Amino acid sequence: MSSDDSSILTISDILNSEIKKLENQIDMALQNSSKLDISQIIPIYHHVLNISSMESVLKQFFKDIEPDDKSKNILNNSEKLISEKFNSVLHPKFMSHLSDLIFNSVSELKAQKNSQKTETEIKNDATMYDKLRKLMSTKEFVEQYDKGLIHD
């Protein structure tokens, strides 16, 4: 076995392990998509991007040699998981969920009175604005992923 063969097997095994982890994350997220906190959304996107990078590395290896059946299956499973479960189902749910959260936060902030506020009310407003900033930042990140899907 050459070092390239060993590298391919190692990357394939790591990719297979990461696919299983991502599948668990996706399944859990689908069960709780309307209850997910934004801090739980970003790691899923990072995991998808990491797996996509590993796929690219494997595909580079296979430009010159024919992949073994195990590696082909792993690549097919990975692409299928990301395409059918993440991109087609979970990603749109995240986009919708983030839009709803942002709308609700903005509506709540607009509904507040602009009269004299106590220190506690000012602190609460600051917390709400911080939450809105985090939501908008997360939505921007998710939209960037979405733009990448359009160009693929």
C-alpha atoms as a PDB file:
ATOM      1  CA  MET A   1       0.000   0.000   0.000  1.00  0.00           C
ATOM      2  CA  SER A   2       1.439   3.362  -1.015  1.00  0.00           C
ATOM      3  CA  SER A   3       1.384   6.425   1.201  1.00  0.00           C
ATOM      4  CA  ASP A   4      -1.279   7.939  -1.095  1.00  0.00           C
ATOM      5  CA  ASP A   5      -3.469   4.863  -0.573  1.00  0.00           C
ATOM      6  CA  SER A   6      -2.975   5.146   3.155  1.00  0.00           C
ATOM      7  CA  SER A   7      -3.828   8.848   3.063  1.00  0.00           C
ATOM      8  CA  ILE A   8      -6.967   8.156   1.052  1.00  0.00           C
ATOM      9  CA  LEU A   9      -8.104   5.502   3.519  1.00  0.00           C
ATOM     10  CA  THR A  10      -7.411   7.787   6.462  1.00  0.00           C
ATOM     11  CA  ILE A  11      -9.299  10.705   4.916  1.00  0.00           C
ATOM     12  CA  SER A  12     -12.146   8.368   3.915  1.00  0.00           C
ATOM     13  CA  ASP A  13     -12.400   7.008   7.442  1.00  0.00           C
ATOM     14  CA  ILE A  14     -12.354  10.484   8.970  1.00  0.00           C
ATOM     15  CA  LEU A  15     -14.941  11.682   6.457  1.00  0.00           C
ATOM     16  CA  ASN A  16     -17.154   8.694   7.231  1.00  0.00           C
ATOM     17  CA  SER A  17     -16.949   9.442  10.947  1.00  0.00           C
ATOM     18  CA  GLU A  18     -17.757  13.130  10.384  1.00  0.00           C
ATOM     19  CA  ILE A  19     -20.708  12.212   8.164  1.00  0.00           C
ATOM     20  CA  LYS A  20     -22.203  10.168  10.996  1.00  0.00           C
ATOM     21  CA  LYS A  21     -21.728  13.050  13.434  1.00  0.00           C
ATOM     22  CA  LEU A  22     -23.327  15.502  10.998  1.00  0.00           C
ATOM     23  CA  GLU A  23     -26.233  13.165  10.365  1.00  0.00           C
ATOM     24  CA  ASN A  24     -26.894  13.055  14.117  1.00  0.00           C
ATOM     25  CA  GLN A  25     -26.683  16.851  14.330  1.00  0.00           C
ATOM     26  CA  ILE A  26     -29.083  17.244  11.414  1.00  0.00           C
ATOM     27  CA  ASP A  27     -31.563  14.730  12.837  1.00  0.00           C
ATOM     28  CA  MET A  28     -31.533  16.455  16.225  1.00  0.00           C
ATOM     29  CA  ALA A  29     -31.880  19.876  14.599  1.00  0.00           C
ATOM     30  CA  LEU A  30     -34.817  18.705  12.478  1.00  0.00           C
ATOM     31  CA  GLN A  31     -36.595  17.485  15.587  1.00  0.00           C
ATOM     32  CA  ASN A  32     -36.027  20.824  17.346  1.00  0.00           C
ATOM     33  CA  SER A  33     -35.633  23.302  14.482  1.00  0.00           C
ATOM     34  CA  SER A  34     -38.024  25.877  15.930  1.00  0.00           C
ATOM     35  CA  LYS A  35     -36.367  25.701  19.356  1.00  0.00           C
ATOM     36  CA  LEU A  36     -32.740  25.929  18.280  1.00  0.00           C
ATOM     37  CA  ASP A  37     -30.666  28.732  19.695  1.00  0.00           C
ATOM     38  CA  ILE A  38     -28.440  30.560  17.250  1.00  0.00           C
ATOM     39  CA  SER A  39     -25.394  29.212  19.079  1.00  0.00           C
ATOM     40  CA  GLN A  40     -26.452  25.738  17.911  1.00  0.00           C
ATOM     41  CA  ILE A  41     -26.904  26.704  14.265  1.00  0.00           C
ATOM     42  CA  ILE A  42     -23.431  27.968  13.344  1.00  0.00           C
ATOM     43  CA  PRO A  43     -21.561  24.782  14.392  1.00  0.00           C
ATOM     44  CA  ILE A  44     -23.745  22.751  12.035  1.00  0.00           C
ATOM     45  CA  TYR A  45     -22.756  24.998   9.125  1.00  0.00           C
ATOM     46  CA  HIS A  46     -19.101  24.711  10.104  1.00  0.00           C
ATOM     47  CA  HIS A  47     -19.451  20.937  10.152  1.00  0.00           C
ATOM     48  CA  VAL A  48     -21.024  20.966   6.673  1.00  0.00           C
ATOM     49  CA  LEU A  49     -18.213  23.171   5.368  1.00  0.00           C
ATOM     50  CA  ASN A  50     -15.545  20.927   6.924  1.00  0.00           C
ATOM     51  CA  ILE A  51     -17.076  17.834   5.350  1.00  0.00           C
ATOM     52  CA  SER A  52     -17.275  19.605   1.985  1.00  0.00           C
ATOM     53  CA  SER A  53     -13.572  20.411   2.282  1.00  0.00           C
ATOM     54  CA  MET A  54     -12.739  16.781   3.027  1.00  0.00           C
ATOM     55  CA  GLU A  55     -14.788  15.750  -0.006  1.00  0.00           C
ATOM     56  CA  SER A  56     -12.722  18.112  -2.139  1.00  0.00           C
ATOM     57  CA  VAL A  57      -9.477  16.644  -0.845  1.00  0.00           C
ATOM     58  CA  LEU A  58     -10.645  13.113  -1.637  1.00  0.00           C
ATOM     59  CA  LYS A  59     -11.804  14.139  -5.088  1.00  0.00           C
ATOM     60  CA  GLN A  60      -8.364  15.629  -5.751  1.00  0.00           C
ATOM     61  CA  PHE A  61      -6.821  12.244  -4.962  1.00  0.00           C
ATOM     62  CA  PHE A  62      -9.230  10.607  -7.387  1.00  0.00           C
ATOM     63  CA  LYS A  63      -8.360  12.786 -10.340  1.00  0.00           C
ATOM     64  CA  ASP A  64      -5.514  10.422 -11.233  1.00  0.00           C
ATOM     65  CA  ILE A  65      -6.691   7.119  -9.775  1.00  0.00           C
ATOM     66  CA  GLU A  66      -9.974   5.239  -9.635  1.00  0.00           C
ATOM     67  CA  PRO A  67     -11.488   5.359  -6.141  1.00  0.00           C
ATOM     68  CA  ASP A  68     -12.202   2.116  -4.330  1.00  0.00           C
ATOM     69  CA  ASP A  69     -15.842   1.196  -3.665  1.00  0.00           C
ATOM     70  CA  LYS A  70     -15.655   2.196   0.001  1.00  0.00           C
ATOM     71  CA  SER A  71     -14.423   5.692  -0.841  1.00  0.00           C
ATOM     72  CA  LYS A  72     -17.036   6.068  -3.594  1.00  0.00           C
ATOM     73  CA  ASN A  73     -19.785   5.126  -1.150  1.00  0.00           C
ATOM     74  CA  ILE A  74     -18.494   7.527   1.485  1.00  0.00           C
ATOM     75  CA  LEU A  75     -18.369  10.388  -1.017  1.00  0.00           C
ATOM     76  CA  ASN A  76     -21.854   9.548  -2.311  1.00  0.00           C
ATOM     77  CA  ASN A  77     -23.251   9.366   1.230  1.00  0.00           C
ATOM     78  CA  SER A  78     -21.653  12.669   2.113  1.00  0.00           C
ATOM     79  CA  GLU A  79     -22.947  14.464  -0.953  1.00  0.00           C
ATOM     80  CA  LYS A  80     -26.407  12.952  -0.501  1.00  0.00           C
ATOM     81  CA  LEU A  81     -26.593  13.935   3.183  1.00  0.00           C
ATOM     82  CA  ILE A  82     -25.575  17.523   2.530  1.00  0.00           C
ATOM     83  CA  SER A  83     -27.686  17.913  -0.592  1.00  0.00           C
ATOM     84  CA  GLU A  84     -30.872  16.144   0.439  1.00  0.00           C
ATOM     85  CA  LYS A  85     -31.045  16.601   4.185  1.00  0.00           C
ATOM     86  CA  PHE A  86     -29.106  19.767   4.901  1.00  0.00           C
ATOM     87  CA  ASN A  87     -29.383  21.984   1.821  1.00  0.00           C
ATOM     88  CA  SER A  88     -32.925  20.996   0.886  1.00  0.00           C
ATOM     89  CA  VAL A  89     -34.547  20.605   4.302  1.00  0.00           C
ATOM     90  CA  LEU A  90     -32.632  22.002   7.263  1.00  0.00           C
ATOM     91  CA  HIS A  91     -30.994  25.054   5.686  1.00  0.00           C
ATOM     92  CA  PRO A  92     -34.354  26.534   4.546  1.00  0.00           C
ATOM     93  CA  LYS A  93     -35.768  25.907   8.033  1.00  0.00           C
ATOM     94  CA  PHE A  94     -32.819  27.771   9.565  1.00  0.00           C
ATOM     95  CA  MET A  95     -33.326  30.680   7.171  1.00  0.00           C
ATOM     96  CA  SER A  96     -37.011  30.888   8.046  1.00  0.00           C
ATOM     97  CA  HIS A  97     -36.379  30.484  11.773  1.00  0.00           C
ATOM     98  CA  LEU A  98     -33.772  33.264  11.783  1.00  0.00           C
ATOM     99  CA  SER A  99     -36.047  35.578   9.801  1.00  0.00           C
ATOM    100  CA  ASP A 100     -38.862  34.973  12.287  1.00  0.00           C
ATOM    101  CA  LEU A 101     -36.591  35.589  15.275  1.00  0.00           C
ATOM    102  CA  ILE A 102     -35.310  38.834  13.762  1.00  0.00           C
ATOM    103  CA  PHE A 103     -38.828  40.009  12.911  1.00  0.00           C
ATOM    104  CA  ASN A 104     -40.009  39.270  16.468  1.00  0.00           C
ATOM    105  CA  SER A 105     -37.018  41.054  18.017  1.00  0.00           C
ATOM    106  CA  VAL A 106     -37.482  44.129  15.841  1.00  0.00           C
ATOM    107  CA  SER A 107     -41.228  44.197  16.570  1.00  0.00           C
ATOM    108  CA  GLU A 108     -40.592  43.925  20.294  1.00  0.00           C
ATOM    109  CA  LEU A 109     -38.078  46.758  20.203  1.00  0.00           C
ATOM    110  CA  LYS A 110     -40.405  48.969  18.133  1.00  0.00           C
ATOM    111  CA  ALA A 111     -43.288  48.341  20.533  1.00  0.00           C
ATOM    112  CA  GLN A 112     -41.419  49.812  23.465  1.00  0.00           C
ATOM    113  CA  LYS A 113     -42.150  53.303  24.672  1.00  0.00           C
ATOM    114  CA  ASN A 114     -39.566  55.973  24.059  1.00  0.00           C
ATOM    115  CA  SER A 115     -40.303  57.805  27.280  1.00  0.00           C
ATOM    116  CA  GLN A 116     -37.969  58.145  30.227  1.00  0.00           C
ATOM    117  CA  LYS A 117     -36.526  54.756  31.051  1.00  0.00           C
ATOM    118  CA  THR A 118     -35.106  53.341  34.212  1.00  0.00           C
ATOM    119  CA  GLU A 119     -31.615  51.918  34.349  1.00  0.00           C
ATOM    120  CA  THR A 120     -33.062  48.402  34.277  1.00  0.00           C
ATOM    121  CA  GLU A 121     -35.127  49.166  31.185  1.00  0.00           C
ATOM    122  CA  ILE A 122     -32.049  50.596  29.465  1.00  0.00           C
ATOM    123  CA  LYS A 123     -30.077  47.445  30.325  1.00  0.00           C
ATOM    124  CA  ASN A 124     -32.927  45.282  29.012  1.00  0.00           C
ATOM    125  CA  ASP A 125     -32.969  47.289  25.782  1.00  0.00           C
ATOM    126  CA  ALA A 126     -29.221  46.846  25.416  1.00  0.00           C
ATOM    127  CA  THR A 127     -29.608  43.102  25.890  1.00  0.00           C
ATOM    128  CA  MET A 128     -32.363  42.992  23.285  1.00  0.00           C
ATOM    129  CA  TYR A 129     -30.271  44.968  20.791  1.00  0.00           C
ATOM    130  CA  ASP A 130     -27.324  42.652  21.429  1.00  0.00           C
ATOM    131  CA  LYS A 131     -29.558  39.630  20.782  1.00  0.00           C
ATOM    132  CA  LEU A 132     -30.805  41.246  17.569  1.00  0.00           C
ATOM    133  CA  ARG A 133     -27.221  41.952  16.454  1.00  0.00           C
ATOM    134  CA  LYS A 134     -26.297  38.281  17.026  1.00  0.00           C
ATOM    135  CA  LEU A 135     -29.373  37.102  15.128  1.00  0.00           C
ATOM    136  CA  MET A 136     -28.612  39.384  12.200  1.00  0.00           C
ATOM    137  CA  SER A 137     -24.971  38.306  12.151  1.00  0.00           C
ATOM    138  CA  THR A 138     -25.982  34.644  12.150  1.00  0.00           C
ATOM    139  CA  LYS A 139     -28.495  35.263   9.379  1.00  0.00           C
ATOM    140  CA  GLU A 140     -25.781  36.988   7.341  1.00  0.00           C
ATOM    141  CA  PHE A 141     -23.545  33.934   7.787  1.00  0.00           C
ATOM    142  CA  VAL A 142     -26.375  31.598   6.735  1.00  0.00           C
ATOM    143  CA  GLU A 143     -27.149  33.802   3.725  1.00  0.00           C
ATOM    144  CA  GLN A 144     -23.503  33.610   2.655  1.00  0.00           C
ATOM    145  CA  TYR A 145     -23.816  29.808   2.690  1.00  0.00           C
ATOM    146  CA  ASP A 146     -27.008  30.175   0.662  1.00  0.00           C
ATOM    147  CA  LYS A 147     -25.191  32.322  -1.923  1.00  0.00           C
ATOM    148  CA  GLY A 148     -22.575  29.586  -2.210  1.00  0.00           C
ATOM    149  CA  LEU A 149     -25.321  27.070  -3.002  1.00  0.00           C
ATOM    150  CA  ILE A 150     -26.546  29.223  -5.866  1.00  0.00           C
ATOM    151  CA  HIS A 151     -23.070  29.315  -7.421  1.00  0.00           C
ATOM    152  CA  ASP A 152     -22.390  25.562  -7.082  1.00  0.00           C
END
